[in-house]
């Protein structure tokens, strides 16, 4: 097997492991299992307090309908508050409740720990090679973006 095939196999293996990790529901301190999309929506709301639903959909790169379905669940479960701005009946805004804040903080701790481990590995690679890897990842990302466009 040549070096290019080996690199692609390793890339796909990392992607598959990451996807398996991401797919499974997890408890981030609330006592309930939350699905990855629910967790990621809580994370975006936590980073952008009082975010409009349309802005959330844009940031998540998913449809407003998909956001709306997940928000209904998160409101029902007590993680998120959905409200309208005074004097503006058109836009819905989202804010975390205490339960959502707990999940947001715990998820950040876990993510920071994972990112820290990855950083420890990456820091062992010479900077010139990191720049080349980054350029390669950006090219792959660009191609994947093209495939995802409708």
C-alpha atoms as a PDB file:
ATOM      1  CA  UNK A   1       0.000   0.000   0.000  1.00  0.00           C
ATOM      2  CA  UNK A   2       1.375   3.447  -0.874  1.00  0.00           C
ATOM      3  CA  UNK A   3       1.668   6.387   1.536  1.00  0.00           C
ATOM      4  CA  UNK A   4      -1.401   8.131   0.043  1.00  0.00           C
ATOM      5  CA  UNK A   5      -3.643   5.120   0.569  1.00  0.00           C
ATOM      6  CA  UNK A   6      -2.314   4.723   4.100  1.00  0.00           C
ATOM      7  CA  UNK A   7      -3.054   8.393   4.862  1.00  0.00           C
ATOM      8  CA  UNK A   8      -6.607   8.088   3.517  1.00  0.00           C
ATOM      9  CA  UNK A   9      -7.192   4.907   5.549  1.00  0.00           C
ATOM     10  CA  UNK A  10      -5.927   6.596   8.710  1.00  0.00           C
ATOM     11  CA  UNK A  11      -8.058   9.691   8.040  1.00  0.00           C
ATOM     12  CA  UNK A  12     -11.172   7.553   7.525  1.00  0.00           C
ATOM     13  CA  UNK A  13     -10.403   5.504  10.638  1.00  0.00           C
ATOM     14  CA  UNK A  14     -10.120   8.673  12.753  1.00  0.00           C
ATOM     15  CA  UNK A  15     -13.340   9.989  11.208  1.00  0.00           C
ATOM     16  CA  UNK A  16     -15.181   6.725  11.946  1.00  0.00           C
ATOM     17  CA  UNK A  17     -14.019   6.675  15.573  1.00  0.00           C
ATOM     18  CA  UNK A  18     -15.010  10.302  16.021  1.00  0.00           C
ATOM     19  CA  UNK A  19     -18.417   9.606  14.458  1.00  0.00           C
ATOM     20  CA  UNK A  20     -18.979   6.630  16.790  1.00  0.00           C
ATOM     21  CA  UNK A  21     -18.088   8.814  19.763  1.00  0.00           C
ATOM     22  CA  UNK A  22     -20.364  11.600  18.537  1.00  0.00           C
ATOM     23  CA  UNK A  23     -23.369   9.365  17.775  1.00  0.00           C
ATOM     24  CA  UNK A  24     -23.895   7.977  21.244  1.00  0.00           C
ATOM     25  CA  UNK A  25     -26.107   9.859  23.707  1.00  0.00           C
ATOM     26  CA  UNK A  26     -24.360  11.122  26.830  1.00  0.00           C
ATOM     27  CA  UNK A  27     -25.172  12.555  30.246  1.00  0.00           C
ATOM     28  CA  UNK A  28     -23.456  15.874  30.853  1.00  0.00           C
ATOM     29  CA  UNK A  29     -24.494  16.382  34.449  1.00  0.00           C
ATOM     30  CA  UNK A  30     -28.274  16.578  34.082  1.00  0.00           C
ATOM     31  CA  UNK A  31     -29.015  12.927  34.868  1.00  0.00           C
ATOM     32  CA  UNK A  32     -30.475  12.424  31.372  1.00  0.00           C
ATOM     33  CA  UNK A  33     -28.957  11.093  28.189  1.00  0.00           C
ATOM     34  CA  UNK A  34     -28.862  13.719  25.474  1.00  0.00           C
ATOM     35  CA  UNK A  35     -28.269  13.083  21.801  1.00  0.00           C
ATOM     36  CA  UNK A  36     -25.355  14.805  20.060  1.00  0.00           C
ATOM     37  CA  UNK A  37     -27.553  17.273  18.164  1.00  0.00           C
ATOM     38  CA  UNK A  38     -29.252  18.287  21.432  1.00  0.00           C
ATOM     39  CA  UNK A  39     -25.857  18.759  23.083  1.00  0.00           C
ATOM     40  CA  UNK A  40     -24.475  20.776  20.172  1.00  0.00           C
ATOM     41  CA  UNK A  41     -27.541  23.016  20.123  1.00  0.00           C
ATOM     42  CA  UNK A  42     -27.179  23.610  23.878  1.00  0.00           C
ATOM     43  CA  UNK A  43     -23.511  24.420  23.254  1.00  0.00           C
ATOM     44  CA  UNK A  44     -24.274  26.998  20.540  1.00  0.00           C
ATOM     45  CA  UNK A  45     -27.010  28.621  22.651  1.00  0.00           C
ATOM     46  CA  UNK A  46     -24.613  28.738  25.627  1.00  0.00           C
ATOM     47  CA  UNK A  47     -21.937  30.443  23.535  1.00  0.00           C
ATOM     48  CA  UNK A  48     -24.463  32.917  22.047  1.00  0.00           C
ATOM     49  CA  UNK A  49     -26.845  33.857  24.843  1.00  0.00           C
ATOM     50  CA  UNK A  50     -30.312  34.847  23.622  1.00  0.00           C
ATOM     51  CA  UNK A  51     -29.729  33.684  20.068  1.00  0.00           C
ATOM     52  CA  UNK A  52     -32.461  33.841  17.410  1.00  0.00           C
ATOM     53  CA  UNK A  53     -33.672  30.474  16.133  1.00  0.00           C
ATOM     54  CA  UNK A  54     -32.774  31.431  12.555  1.00  0.00           C
ATOM     55  CA  UNK A  55     -29.231  32.374  13.619  1.00  0.00           C
ATOM     56  CA  UNK A  56     -28.911  29.065  15.457  1.00  0.00           C
ATOM     57  CA  UNK A  57     -29.937  27.168  12.316  1.00  0.00           C
ATOM     58  CA  UNK A  58     -27.332  29.081  10.301  1.00  0.00           C
ATOM     59  CA  UNK A  59     -24.560  28.434  12.828  1.00  0.00           C
ATOM     60  CA  UNK A  60     -25.452  24.740  13.001  1.00  0.00           C
ATOM     61  CA  UNK A  61     -25.817  24.535   9.198  1.00  0.00           C
ATOM     62  CA  UNK A  62     -29.144  22.721   9.537  1.00  0.00           C
ATOM     63  CA  UNK A  63     -32.683  23.648   8.535  1.00  0.00           C
ATOM     64  CA  UNK A  64     -34.926  25.838  10.677  1.00  0.00           C
ATOM     65  CA  UNK A  65     -37.375  22.920  10.795  1.00  0.00           C
ATOM     66  CA  UNK A  66     -34.734  20.607  12.282  1.00  0.00           C
ATOM     67  CA  UNK A  67     -33.781  23.245  14.851  1.00  0.00           C
ATOM     68  CA  UNK A  68     -37.439  23.766  15.721  1.00  0.00           C
ATOM     69  CA  UNK A  69     -37.987  20.039  16.378  1.00  0.00           C
ATOM     70  CA  UNK A  70     -34.981  19.750  18.688  1.00  0.00           C
ATOM     71  CA  UNK A  71     -35.822  23.005  20.484  1.00  0.00           C
ATOM     72  CA  UNK A  72     -39.329  21.692  21.248  1.00  0.00           C
ATOM     73  CA  UNK A  73     -37.733  18.680  22.971  1.00  0.00           C
ATOM     74  CA  UNK A  74     -35.198  20.807  24.840  1.00  0.00           C
ATOM     75  CA  UNK A  75     -37.920  23.195  26.033  1.00  0.00           C
ATOM     76  CA  UNK A  76     -40.094  20.253  27.145  1.00  0.00           C
ATOM     77  CA  UNK A  77     -37.134  18.685  28.996  1.00  0.00           C
ATOM     78  CA  UNK A  78     -36.353  21.992  30.751  1.00  0.00           C
ATOM     79  CA  UNK A  79     -33.004  22.857  29.125  1.00  0.00           C
ATOM     80  CA  UNK A  80     -34.009  25.856  27.011  1.00  0.00           C
ATOM     81  CA  UNK A  81     -36.370  28.826  27.188  1.00  0.00           C
ATOM     82  CA  UNK A  82     -37.951  29.958  23.916  1.00  0.00           C
ATOM     83  CA  UNK A  83     -39.312  33.524  23.908  1.00  0.00           C
ATOM     84  CA  UNK A  84     -40.197  36.467  21.696  1.00  0.00           C
ATOM     85  CA  UNK A  85     -38.532  39.843  21.998  1.00  0.00           C
ATOM     86  CA  UNK A  86     -40.814  42.533  23.362  1.00  0.00           C
ATOM     87  CA  UNK A  87     -42.372  44.492  20.478  1.00  0.00           C
ATOM     88  CA  UNK A  88     -41.229  41.916  17.908  1.00  0.00           C
ATOM     89  CA  UNK A  89     -43.630  39.041  17.420  1.00  0.00           C
ATOM     90  CA  UNK A  90     -41.686  37.633  14.462  1.00  0.00           C
ATOM     91  CA  UNK A  91     -38.410  36.399  15.944  1.00  0.00           C
ATOM     92  CA  UNK A  92     -38.044  33.632  18.508  1.00  0.00           C
ATOM     93  CA  UNK A  93     -35.044  33.768  20.822  1.00  0.00           C
ATOM     94  CA  UNK A  94     -33.445  30.987  22.833  1.00  0.00           C
ATOM     95  CA  UNK A  95     -31.735  31.006  26.190  1.00  0.00           C
ATOM     96  CA  UNK A  96     -30.456  28.243  28.458  1.00  0.00           C
ATOM     97  CA  UNK A  97     -32.242  27.412  31.688  1.00  0.00           C
ATOM     98  CA  UNK A  98     -30.207  26.316  34.732  1.00  0.00           C
ATOM     99  CA  UNK A  99     -30.363  22.705  33.596  1.00  0.00           C
ATOM    100  CA  UNK A 100     -29.055  23.732  30.160  1.00  0.00           C
ATOM    101  CA  UNK A 101     -26.242  25.759  31.770  1.00  0.00           C
ATOM    102  CA  UNK A 102     -25.125  22.655  33.677  1.00  0.00           C
ATOM    103  CA  UNK A 103     -24.951  20.636  30.439  1.00  0.00           C
ATOM    104  CA  UNK A 104     -23.199  23.516  28.638  1.00  0.00           C
ATOM    105  CA  UNK A 105     -20.489  23.791  31.327  1.00  0.00           C
ATOM    106  CA  UNK A 106     -19.967  20.025  31.645  1.00  0.00           C
ATOM    107  CA  UNK A 107     -19.809  19.581  27.858  1.00  0.00           C
ATOM    108  CA  UNK A 108     -17.201  22.366  27.689  1.00  0.00           C
ATOM    109  CA  UNK A 109     -15.064  20.595  30.312  1.00  0.00           C
ATOM    110  CA  UNK A 110     -15.203  17.309  28.379  1.00  0.00           C
ATOM    111  CA  UNK A 111     -14.520  19.036  25.036  1.00  0.00           C
ATOM    112  CA  UNK A 112     -11.602  20.980  26.524  1.00  0.00           C
ATOM    113  CA  UNK A 113     -10.132  17.735  27.873  1.00  0.00           C
ATOM    114  CA  UNK A 114     -10.389  16.030  24.462  1.00  0.00           C
ATOM    115  CA  UNK A 115      -8.980  19.079  22.660  1.00  0.00           C
ATOM    116  CA  UNK A 116      -6.158  19.201  25.213  1.00  0.00           C
ATOM    117  CA  UNK A 117      -5.219  15.591  24.447  1.00  0.00           C
ATOM    118  CA  UNK A 118      -5.281  16.278  20.705  1.00  0.00           C
ATOM    119  CA  UNK A 119      -3.164  19.425  21.238  1.00  0.00           C
ATOM    120  CA  UNK A 120      -0.614  17.383  23.190  1.00  0.00           C
ATOM    121  CA  UNK A 121      -0.269  15.040  20.203  1.00  0.00           C
ATOM    122  CA  UNK A 122      -0.162  17.815  17.604  1.00  0.00           C
ATOM    123  CA  UNK A 123       2.499  19.781  19.519  1.00  0.00           C
ATOM    124  CA  UNK A 124       4.882  16.868  18.974  1.00  0.00           C
ATOM    125  CA  UNK A 125       4.729  17.463  15.197  1.00  0.00           C
ATOM    126  CA  UNK A 126       7.059  20.108  13.695  1.00  0.00           C
ATOM    127  CA  UNK A 127       5.300  23.375  12.811  1.00  0.00           C
ATOM    128  CA  UNK A 128       6.140  23.122   9.088  1.00  0.00           C
ATOM    129  CA  UNK A 129       4.385  19.756   8.946  1.00  0.00           C
ATOM    130  CA  UNK A 130       1.362  21.145  10.837  1.00  0.00           C
ATOM    131  CA  UNK A 131       1.031  23.894   8.221  1.00  0.00           C
ATOM    132  CA  UNK A 132       1.051  21.277   5.453  1.00  0.00           C
ATOM    133  CA  UNK A 133      -1.516  19.140   7.319  1.00  0.00           C
ATOM    134  CA  UNK A 134      -3.726  22.202   7.830  1.00  0.00           C
ATOM    135  CA  UNK A 135      -3.592  23.043   4.122  1.00  0.00           C
ATOM    136  CA  UNK A 136      -4.493  19.441   3.282  1.00  0.00           C
ATOM    137  CA  UNK A 137      -7.425  19.398   5.730  1.00  0.00           C
ATOM    138  CA  UNK A 138      -8.706  22.678   4.285  1.00  0.00           C
ATOM    139  CA  UNK A 139      -8.617  21.225   0.764  1.00  0.00           C
ATOM    140  CA  UNK A 140     -10.498  18.108   1.922  1.00  0.00           C
ATOM    141  CA  UNK A 141     -13.008  20.310   3.770  1.00  0.00           C
ATOM    142  CA  UNK A 142     -13.552  22.379   0.617  1.00  0.00           C
ATOM    143  CA  UNK A 143     -14.272  19.270  -1.439  1.00  0.00           C
ATOM    144  CA  UNK A 144     -16.649  17.914   1.205  1.00  0.00           C
ATOM    145  CA  UNK A 145     -18.449  21.287   1.290  1.00  0.00           C
ATOM    146  CA  UNK A 146     -18.995  21.040  -2.459  1.00  0.00           C
ATOM    147  CA  UNK A 147     -20.489  17.553  -2.049  1.00  0.00           C
ATOM    148  CA  UNK A 148     -22.865  18.785   0.672  1.00  0.00           C
ATOM    149  CA  UNK A 149     -24.291  21.649  -1.369  1.00  0.00           C
ATOM    150  CA  UNK A 150     -27.757  20.889  -2.743  1.00  0.00           C
END
